[in-house]
Amino acid sequence: MLNPHLIAQLRRAVAENPEVSMLGNLSLDRVQISMPSAPSLPSVMVEPAWHGGMTGPREIFGRPVDESCLSGVGALGVSVPEKSIYTVENARVVGFDSILGPTGELFAPSPTTKKNIDSLLQKNATDHQGYLIQRSDESFYVYYAARPHDKHFNLDAVYFPNLEPGNYGSFIFRQLPQILSVPDINRFQAIIVPDRTPWTSATLKMMGFENTPVFSLREVSGDTFRSISLFSDFDAEGTLTPATIGRMRRLATPEGRARTEPSKRHIYVSRLLSSLARPDYRPLKNEMDIEAFFSERGFEIVYPETLTFSEQIHLFHGASKIVGPSGSGMLNAVFSEPSTKIVDMESFHVCVRQHAKIYSSSETAYSFLFGELQKGDRHSMIVSPWTAPIHLVREAYDWIMD
């Protein structure tokens, strides 16, 4: 509910007055966090723990500005913990991935204990959870947006968290697996999501939630529901189990039919539209030239933001060769068939390892192409304008067509 800018303001306000109850016109609540040594909640396992391997990129074209972005990218063993859904009675949603129990128990999304509070504080310090945690002596307090008098909904709800609401890529590997895994959907009378996005709404409809009310966090932050069911953390830095990938691919073939023809489409996934809509966020300065290069060689130029969720699923499921600058649209590779070839074009980015794990989980043959930045300091590198040298684009094209 609270964006990073508001949380920065709140930190300053709390430093002056720990009992602050207003931030401008926004009312706040403050609750002391209760931390049992070993919380016990009724839960249902939806997927057992999984241990497997990660495959590395087949090729790397160019060199990253900072070699550390390739740390942990390669043929490695990976583990995903057991995933379960548990229910908290008289609970409140307070953040993009967190709820509060009736006596101050914080689930973020796993139960907060004395053993994990320090790691939660580090996570909360990024200002991306939608609320603030502050320490006072030996106690911890959570500050969140709430009505002056909270409303009680006599409904059993399920919450599908997403640490980056509104971000399509985050939806793909954080939120979608939860929605596809929920057991016994008919027992819930309400759904809560951080943000009602078109793709979230489309997935809920596919899963049979069509006539169930969907609340967003900004509408019910701090309000009490009769119960809220919540998944343990599904985010394993992009690693998705074979069972999860199977559920995702079935969205492309809902009747369970096997494909009768091999995938043949070759697509270039463009970010050109975002360079005008978001000119200060990683614009690929020579993308029009790159589009022309691939168009001349028979690739379809696609703009994911112009397509419905269903259209994106079927587009990527039917493609055998996928090229594009790193971004949310490329993560539709989770719907692609095994052995699909992918070239992910990167500038400097902190998500290289995360994307590699997603491509590996999807059993695709992937490669990275690293471009050249136009700025120098580390902070600006994340959002810097960049170019992908055409000679590297040619090398990547030769590889993907081989």
Protein backbone atom coordinates (compact mmCIF):
# COMPACT_ATOMS: atom_id res chain seq x y z
CA MET A 1 0.00 0.00 0.00
CA LEU A 2 2.84 2.38 0.87
CA ASN A 3 5.17 2.95 -2.07
CA PRO A 4 8.93 3.42 -1.51
CA HIS A 5 8.58 7.22 -1.56
CA LEU A 6 5.91 7.15 1.16
CA ILE A 7 7.89 4.66 3.24
CA ALA A 8 10.91 6.98 3.13
CA GLN A 9 8.66 9.75 4.47
CA LEU A 10 7.29 7.40 7.11
CA ARG A 11 10.79 6.48 8.33
CA ARG A 12 11.50 10.15 8.94
CA ALA A 13 8.14 10.65 10.65
CA VAL A 14 8.67 7.63 12.94
CA ALA A 15 12.12 8.93 13.90
CA GLU A 16 10.43 12.10 15.18
CA ASN A 17 7.36 10.42 16.68
CA PRO A 18 7.23 6.60 17.05
CA GLU A 19 3.46 6.78 17.60
CA VAL A 20 2.73 8.64 14.34
CA SER A 21 -0.81 7.90 13.10
CA MET A 22 -1.06 10.03 9.95
CA LEU A 23 1.09 10.50 6.87
CA GLY A 24 -0.40 13.48 5.10
CA ASN A 25 -4.05 12.50 4.60
CA LEU A 26 -3.29 8.79 4.93
CA SER A 27 -4.15 7.17 8.26
CA LEU A 28 -1.80 4.58 9.73
CA ASP A 29 -1.87 1.78 12.25
CA ARG A 30 0.98 0.58 14.45
CA VAL A 31 1.08 -2.95 15.88
CA GLN A 32 3.72 -4.70 17.95
CA ILE A 33 4.84 -7.89 16.25
CA SER A 34 4.25 -11.08 18.22
CA MET A 35 6.91 -13.70 17.55
CA PRO A 36 6.21 -17.20 18.87
CA SER A 37 9.20 -19.51 18.90
CA ALA A 38 7.48 -22.07 16.67
CA PRO A 39 4.10 -20.95 15.31
CA SER A 40 1.63 -23.73 14.61
CA LEU A 41 -1.01 -23.21 11.94
CA PRO A 42 -3.25 -25.57 10.00
CA SER A 43 -1.71 -25.99 6.57
CA VAL A 44 -2.09 -28.02 3.40
CA MET A 45 0.94 -29.02 1.34
CA VAL A 46 0.44 -28.11 -2.31
CA GLU A 47 3.83 -29.22 -3.60
CA PRO A 48 6.61 -31.27 -1.97
CA ALA A 49 10.19 -30.06 -1.72
CA TRP A 50 12.12 -30.47 -4.95
CA HIS A 51 15.81 -30.94 -5.67
CA GLY A 52 17.20 -30.72 -9.18
CA GLY A 53 19.72 -29.02 -11.41
CA MET A 54 20.09 -25.74 -13.23
CA THR A 55 21.51 -25.55 -16.74
CA GLY A 56 23.76 -22.69 -17.74
CA PRO A 57 23.59 -20.55 -20.88
CA ARG A 58 24.67 -22.26 -24.09
CA GLU A 59 26.55 -19.15 -25.24
CA ILE A 60 27.44 -15.70 -23.94
CA PHE A 61 27.86 -13.02 -26.59
CA GLY A 62 29.85 -9.99 -25.49
CA ARG A 63 30.92 -9.35 -21.91
CA PRO A 64 28.90 -7.95 -19.02
CA VAL A 65 29.98 -4.60 -17.60
CA ASP A 66 30.03 -6.23 -14.17
CA GLU A 67 30.98 -9.91 -14.16
CA SER A 68 29.23 -10.40 -10.82
CA CYS A 69 25.86 -10.46 -12.60
CA LEU A 70 26.79 -13.96 -13.80
CA SER A 71 27.49 -15.22 -10.28
CA GLY A 72 25.49 -18.39 -9.71
CA VAL A 73 24.67 -18.79 -13.40
CA GLY A 74 25.71 -22.22 -14.61
CA ALA A 75 25.25 -25.95 -14.15
CA LEU A 76 24.38 -26.06 -10.45
CA GLY A 77 22.21 -27.99 -8.03
CA VAL A 78 19.07 -26.17 -6.88
CA SER A 79 16.53 -26.85 -4.14
CA VAL A 80 12.99 -25.56 -3.69
CA PRO A 81 11.40 -25.98 -0.24
CA GLU A 82 8.00 -27.53 0.35
CA LYS A 83 5.14 -25.23 -0.60
CA SER A 84 2.04 -25.09 1.55
CA ILE A 85 -1.02 -22.94 2.13
CA TYR A 86 -2.06 -22.02 5.67
CA THR A 87 -5.02 -20.18 7.16
CA VAL A 88 -5.03 -17.30 9.68
CA GLU A 89 -8.32 -16.37 11.34
CA ASN A 90 -9.28 -12.70 11.91
CA ALA A 91 -6.40 -11.59 9.73
CA ARG A 92 -5.49 -8.35 7.99
CA VAL A 93 -3.53 -7.75 4.79
CA VAL A 94 -0.88 -5.10 5.46
CA GLY A 95 1.63 -5.38 2.61
CA PHE A 96 2.35 -6.70 -0.85
CA ASP A 97 3.42 -10.06 0.59
CA SER A 98 2.29 -9.92 4.24
CA ILE A 99 -0.66 -10.32 6.59
CA LEU A 100 -1.16 -9.78 10.34
CA GLY A 101 -2.87 -12.21 12.71
CA PRO A 102 -5.27 -11.09 15.47
CA THR A 103 -2.58 -10.77 18.16
CA GLY A 104 0.20 -9.25 16.07
CA GLU A 105 1.59 -12.34 14.34
CA LEU A 106 3.24 -11.25 11.08
CA PHE A 107 3.32 -13.56 8.06
CA ALA A 108 5.66 -12.25 5.36
CA PRO A 109 4.56 -14.57 3.83
CA SER A 110 6.01 -17.26 6.10
CA PRO A 111 5.50 -16.82 9.88
CA THR A 112 7.85 -14.30 11.50
CA THR A 113 9.86 -15.72 14.40
CA LYS A 114 12.78 -14.63 16.55
CA LYS A 115 15.01 -16.71 14.29
CA ASN A 116 14.09 -14.97 11.04
CA ILE A 117 13.26 -11.41 12.15
CA ASP A 118 16.73 -10.11 11.21
CA SER A 119 16.43 -11.35 7.62
CA LEU A 120 12.94 -9.84 7.43
CA LEU A 121 14.34 -6.49 8.60
CA GLN A 122 16.87 -6.61 5.76
CA LYS A 123 14.10 -7.37 3.27
CA ASN A 124 11.91 -4.59 4.66
CA ALA A 125 14.77 -2.10 4.40
CA THR A 126 14.39 -2.15 0.59
CA ASP A 127 11.05 -0.32 1.06
CA HIS A 128 9.24 -2.66 -1.35
CA GLN A 129 6.91 -4.58 0.98
CA GLY A 130 4.35 -1.79 1.26
CA TYR A 131 4.79 -1.28 5.02
CA LEU A 132 7.49 -0.42 7.55
CA ILE A 133 9.06 -2.45 10.36
CA GLN A 134 10.86 -0.55 13.12
CA ARG A 135 12.78 -1.84 16.11
CA SER A 136 12.38 -0.24 19.53
CA ASP A 137 14.64 -1.76 22.18
CA GLU A 138 13.74 -5.47 22.09
CA SER A 139 10.36 -4.98 20.42
CA PHE A 140 9.42 -4.71 16.76
CA TYR A 141 6.55 -2.70 15.31
CA VAL A 142 4.84 -2.76 11.93
CA TYR A 143 3.40 0.45 10.47
CA TYR A 144 0.87 0.15 7.64
CA ALA A 145 -1.92 2.07 5.93
CA ALA A 146 -5.33 1.51 7.55
CA ARG A 147 -8.68 3.16 8.06
CA PRO A 148 -9.18 5.07 11.34
CA HIS A 149 -11.75 2.35 12.13
CA ASP A 150 -11.09 -0.90 10.31
CA LYS A 151 -13.85 -2.75 8.50
CA HIS A 152 -14.61 -6.43 9.17
CA PHE A 153 -15.44 -8.66 6.19
CA ASN A 154 -17.25 -11.84 7.20
CA LEU A 155 -15.51 -13.71 4.39
CA ASP A 156 -12.93 -16.47 4.04
CA ALA A 157 -10.37 -15.05 1.62
CA VAL A 158 -7.24 -16.25 -0.15
CA TYR A 159 -4.37 -13.82 -0.66
CA PHE A 160 -2.08 -14.07 -3.69
CA PRO A 161 0.92 -11.85 -2.81
CA ASN A 162 3.26 -10.24 -5.32
CA LEU A 163 6.25 -8.29 -4.05
CA GLU A 164 6.24 -6.13 -7.21
CA PRO A 165 2.57 -5.41 -7.93
CA GLY A 166 1.91 -4.24 -11.46
CA ASN A 167 5.10 -5.91 -12.73
CA TYR A 168 4.24 -8.60 -15.29
CA GLY A 169 7.49 -10.51 -14.84
CA SER A 170 7.00 -10.66 -11.08
CA PHE A 171 3.48 -11.95 -11.69
CA ILE A 172 4.83 -14.74 -13.90
CA PHE A 173 7.23 -16.31 -11.40
CA ARG A 174 5.79 -15.15 -8.05
CA GLN A 175 2.01 -14.90 -8.28
CA LEU A 176 0.91 -17.14 -11.16
CA PRO A 177 2.34 -20.33 -9.56
CA GLN A 178 0.25 -19.64 -6.45
CA ILE A 179 -2.99 -19.11 -8.35
CA LEU A 180 -2.44 -22.31 -10.34
CA SER A 181 -1.71 -24.29 -7.16
CA VAL A 182 -4.59 -23.27 -4.89
CA PRO A 183 -6.53 -26.32 -3.66
CA ASP A 184 -10.33 -26.39 -3.26
CA ILE A 185 -11.02 -22.99 -4.78
CA ASN A 186 -14.73 -23.21 -4.01
CA ARG A 187 -14.22 -22.76 -0.26
CA PHE A 188 -13.10 -19.13 -0.65
CA GLN A 189 -15.64 -16.31 -0.79
CA ALA A 190 -13.09 -13.60 -1.64
CA ILE A 191 -9.70 -13.05 -3.23
CA ILE A 192 -7.15 -10.42 -2.24
CA VAL A 193 -4.32 -9.31 -4.54
CA PRO A 194 -1.80 -6.46 -4.26
CA ASP A 195 -3.13 -5.01 -7.52
CA ARG A 196 -5.96 -6.01 -9.89
CA THR A 197 -4.00 -6.33 -13.12
CA PRO A 198 -5.44 -7.59 -16.44
CA TRP A 199 -3.27 -10.70 -16.33
CA THR A 200 -4.23 -11.53 -12.74
CA SER A 201 -7.91 -11.12 -13.59
CA ALA A 202 -7.52 -13.30 -16.69
CA THR A 203 -5.84 -16.08 -14.70
CA LEU A 204 -8.49 -16.02 -11.98
CA LYS A 205 -11.15 -16.40 -14.66
CA MET A 206 -9.28 -19.37 -16.17
CA MET A 207 -9.15 -20.98 -12.72
CA GLY A 208 -12.87 -20.68 -12.03
CA PHE A 209 -12.79 -17.61 -9.78
CA GLU A 210 -14.98 -15.73 -12.24
CA ASN A 211 -17.80 -14.85 -9.81
CA THR A 212 -15.66 -14.30 -6.71
CA PRO A 213 -15.06 -10.71 -5.51
CA VAL A 214 -11.46 -9.58 -5.91
CA PHE A 215 -10.14 -6.96 -3.46
CA SER A 216 -6.89 -5.07 -3.98
CA LEU A 217 -4.53 -4.21 -1.12
CA ARG A 218 -5.01 -0.47 -1.55
CA GLU A 219 -8.75 -0.95 -0.89
CA VAL A 220 -8.59 -3.20 2.19
CA SER A 221 -5.21 -2.56 3.82
CA GLY A 222 -5.67 -3.08 7.55
CA ASP A 223 -9.24 -4.41 7.25
CA THR A 224 -10.09 -7.71 8.97
CA PHE A 225 -11.34 -10.82 7.18
CA ARG A 226 -12.88 -13.82 8.92
CA SER A 227 -9.89 -15.76 7.65
CA ILE A 228 -7.12 -15.30 5.13
CA SER A 229 -5.30 -18.22 3.52
CA LEU A 230 -1.77 -17.55 2.36
CA PHE A 231 0.95 -19.53 0.62
CA SER A 232 4.40 -20.07 2.01
CA ASP A 233 6.99 -18.21 -0.06
CA PHE A 234 6.80 -19.37 -3.69
CA ASP A 235 9.72 -17.22 -4.80
CA ALA A 236 12.91 -19.27 -5.15
CA GLU A 237 14.71 -16.55 -7.15
CA GLY A 238 13.03 -17.73 -10.32
CA THR A 239 13.51 -21.48 -9.91
CA LEU A 240 10.25 -23.20 -10.84
CA THR A 241 9.66 -26.90 -10.25
CA PRO A 242 8.67 -29.26 -13.08
CA ALA A 243 5.19 -29.50 -11.52
CA THR A 244 4.80 -25.71 -11.60
CA ILE A 245 6.03 -25.47 -15.20
CA GLY A 246 3.61 -28.24 -16.15
CA ARG A 247 0.67 -26.30 -14.73
CA MET A 248 1.78 -23.20 -16.61
CA ARG A 249 2.08 -24.99 -19.94
CA ARG A 250 -1.37 -26.50 -19.53
CA LEU A 251 -2.76 -22.96 -19.82
CA ALA A 252 -1.79 -23.17 -23.50
CA THR A 253 -3.47 -26.55 -23.93
CA PRO A 254 -6.35 -26.47 -21.42
CA GLU A 255 -7.89 -29.65 -22.78
CA GLY A 256 -4.64 -31.46 -22.14
CA ARG A 257 -4.11 -32.18 -25.84
CA ALA A 258 -0.58 -32.78 -27.04
CA ARG A 259 0.69 -30.61 -29.88
CA THR A 260 0.32 -32.23 -33.28
CA GLU A 261 2.75 -29.90 -35.07
CA PRO A 262 6.20 -28.70 -34.03
CA SER A 263 6.63 -25.08 -32.98
CA LYS A 264 7.69 -22.99 -35.95
CA ARG A 265 7.28 -19.31 -35.12
CA HIS A 266 10.35 -17.13 -34.76
CA ILE A 267 9.72 -14.00 -32.68
CA TYR A 268 11.60 -10.87 -31.65
CA VAL A 269 10.14 -9.56 -28.38
CA SER A 270 10.53 -5.79 -28.59
CA ARG A 271 10.81 -3.24 -25.77
CA LEU A 272 10.59 -0.33 -28.21
CA LEU A 273 7.25 0.90 -26.86
CA SER A 274 8.61 1.15 -23.32
CA SER A 275 11.48 3.37 -24.46
CA LEU A 276 8.94 6.13 -25.14
CA ALA A 277 6.67 5.33 -22.20
CA ARG A 278 9.64 4.98 -19.79
CA PRO A 279 12.55 6.89 -21.37
CA ASP A 280 14.68 6.75 -18.21
CA TYR A 281 14.53 2.97 -17.77
CA ARG A 282 17.01 0.92 -19.82
CA PRO A 283 16.13 2.23 -23.31
CA LEU A 284 17.80 0.15 -26.04
CA LYS A 285 18.96 2.99 -28.29
CA ASN A 286 19.42 0.95 -31.49
CA GLU A 287 16.34 -1.24 -31.12
CA MET A 288 14.77 -0.04 -34.38
CA ASP A 289 17.87 -1.28 -36.21
CA ILE A 290 17.68 -4.61 -34.38
CA GLU A 291 13.98 -4.96 -35.19
CA ALA A 292 14.80 -4.39 -38.87
CA PHE A 293 17.62 -6.97 -38.71
CA PHE A 294 15.33 -9.72 -37.44
CA SER A 295 12.33 -8.69 -39.54
CA GLU A 296 14.45 -9.01 -42.70
CA ARG A 297 15.27 -12.56 -41.61
CA GLY A 298 11.69 -13.70 -41.12
CA PHE A 299 11.16 -13.01 -37.42
CA GLU A 300 7.82 -11.62 -36.23
CA ILE A 301 8.24 -8.39 -34.25
CA VAL A 302 5.93 -8.57 -31.23
CA TYR A 303 5.05 -6.06 -28.52
CA PRO A 304 3.87 -8.02 -25.46
CA GLU A 305 2.08 -5.06 -23.86
CA THR A 306 -0.31 -4.92 -26.83
CA LEU A 307 -1.43 -8.53 -26.32
CA THR A 308 -3.83 -10.13 -23.86
CA PHE A 309 -2.48 -12.63 -21.36
CA SER A 310 -4.00 -15.50 -23.34
CA GLU A 311 -2.44 -14.22 -26.57
CA GLN A 312 0.99 -14.04 -24.94
CA ILE A 313 0.65 -17.59 -23.63
CA HIS A 314 -0.17 -19.01 -27.05
CA LEU A 315 2.40 -16.85 -28.86
CA PHE A 316 5.28 -18.13 -26.74
CA HIS A 317 3.95 -21.69 -26.63
CA GLY A 318 4.03 -21.74 -30.43
CA ALA A 319 7.49 -20.22 -30.89
CA SER A 320 10.65 -22.22 -31.46
CA LYS A 321 13.07 -19.26 -31.51
CA ILE A 322 12.76 -16.22 -29.24
CA VAL A 323 15.01 -13.15 -29.15
CA GLY A 324 14.59 -9.94 -27.21
CA PRO A 325 15.96 -7.46 -24.70
CA SER A 326 15.66 -8.61 -21.10
CA GLY A 327 12.30 -7.70 -19.62
CA SER A 328 9.02 -9.01 -18.30
CA GLY A 329 7.79 -10.07 -21.73
CA MET A 330 10.68 -12.50 -22.20
CA LEU A 331 9.60 -14.40 -19.08
CA ASN A 332 6.66 -15.74 -21.09
CA ALA A 333 9.24 -18.40 -21.93
CA VAL A 334 7.67 -20.41 -19.08
CA PHE A 335 4.91 -21.28 -21.59
CA SER A 336 7.38 -22.37 -24.28
CA GLU A 337 8.03 -25.98 -25.13
CA PRO A 338 11.26 -27.68 -24.02
CA SER A 339 14.29 -27.02 -26.24
CA THR A 340 12.95 -23.68 -27.50
CA LYS A 341 15.99 -21.53 -28.28
CA ILE A 342 16.23 -18.13 -26.58
CA VAL A 343 18.60 -15.17 -26.81
CA ASP A 344 18.17 -12.77 -23.89
CA MET A 345 19.84 -9.42 -24.57
CA GLU A 346 21.03 -7.80 -21.34
CA SER A 347 22.46 -4.46 -20.34
CA PHE A 348 23.71 -4.28 -16.75
CA HIS A 349 20.98 -5.84 -14.67
CA VAL A 350 20.61 -7.40 -11.27
CA CYS A 351 18.19 -10.06 -12.55
CA VAL A 352 20.49 -12.09 -14.83
CA ARG A 353 20.65 -15.03 -12.40
CA GLN A 354 16.89 -14.88 -11.81
CA HIS A 355 16.17 -14.93 -15.55
CA ALA A 356 18.66 -17.76 -16.08
CA LYS A 357 16.83 -19.86 -13.48
CA ILE A 358 13.49 -19.19 -15.17
CA TYR A 359 14.83 -20.19 -18.60
CA SER A 360 16.52 -23.25 -17.12
CA SER A 361 13.35 -24.29 -15.27
CA SER A 362 11.51 -24.07 -18.59
CA GLU A 363 14.05 -26.48 -20.16
CA THR A 364 14.89 -23.97 -22.89
CA ALA A 365 18.24 -23.63 -24.64
CA TYR A 366 19.15 -20.08 -23.71
CA SER A 367 22.01 -17.68 -24.34
CA PHE A 368 22.83 -14.18 -23.15
CA LEU A 369 23.97 -11.21 -25.21
CA PHE A 370 25.50 -8.34 -23.23
CA GLY A 371 25.31 -4.86 -24.71
CA GLU A 372 27.18 -1.63 -24.03
CA LEU A 373 26.13 1.03 -21.53
CA GLN A 374 26.21 4.78 -22.05
CA LYS A 375 26.78 5.76 -18.41
CA GLY A 376 29.34 4.90 -15.79
CA ASP A 377 28.43 4.86 -12.10
CA ARG A 378 26.93 1.68 -10.65
CA HIS A 379 23.61 3.26 -9.63
CA SER A 380 22.91 4.53 -13.13
CA MET A 381 24.01 1.27 -14.78
CA ILE A 382 20.76 -0.42 -13.74
CA VAL A 383 18.67 2.05 -15.75
CA SER A 384 21.27 3.29 -18.23
CA PRO A 385 20.60 3.70 -21.97
CA TRP A 386 22.42 0.97 -23.87
CA THR A 387 23.08 -0.50 -27.29
CA ALA A 388 23.42 -4.06 -28.58
CA PRO A 389 26.30 -4.10 -31.11
CA ILE A 390 25.10 -5.44 -34.45
CA HIS A 391 28.09 -7.77 -34.79
CA LEU A 392 26.99 -9.50 -31.56
CA VAL A 393 23.41 -9.58 -32.79
CA ARG A 394 24.65 -11.37 -35.94
CA GLU A 395 26.55 -13.92 -33.85
CA ALA A 396 23.47 -14.55 -31.72
CA TYR A 397 21.33 -14.93 -34.84
CA ASP A 398 23.76 -17.48 -36.30
CA TRP A 399 23.58 -19.47 -33.04
CA ILE A 400 19.81 -19.46 -32.73
CA MET A 401 19.36 -20.52 -36.37
CA ASP A 402 21.94 -23.31 -36.19
